[in-house]
Amino acid sequence: ANKSMLKQLFKQHYQCGAYEFHLSLRMNYAYAQIAQTEVPFKEIALDVGYANYQAFVKYFKKYYNILPTELRNHGQRSKKSDTEVY
């Protein structure tokens, strides 16, 4: 199959492009790591492909409308199972 056909089939199956899908996987992983672990934020940023920590924080805030520190602080106060990513 050619490239455009592959892109079209991917979008039909996942309701988004490959870039958006990959980005969602990276952000979901970062969210889970921040909410459920004590791994330093800079290490998480590197794990999901952001060499620039500030860029990661900016994009995380844009994606989830919460800062990593706010998410982790919230998680520490309420150790409920509400930290799942949807």
Foldseek 3Di string as FASTA:
>chain_A
DDDVVVQVVVCVVPVDGPVVVLVVVLLQQLLCCLLPHPPDQCVSCVVSPHPPSVVVQVVNCVVPVDGSVRNNVVSVVDVDPPSHDD
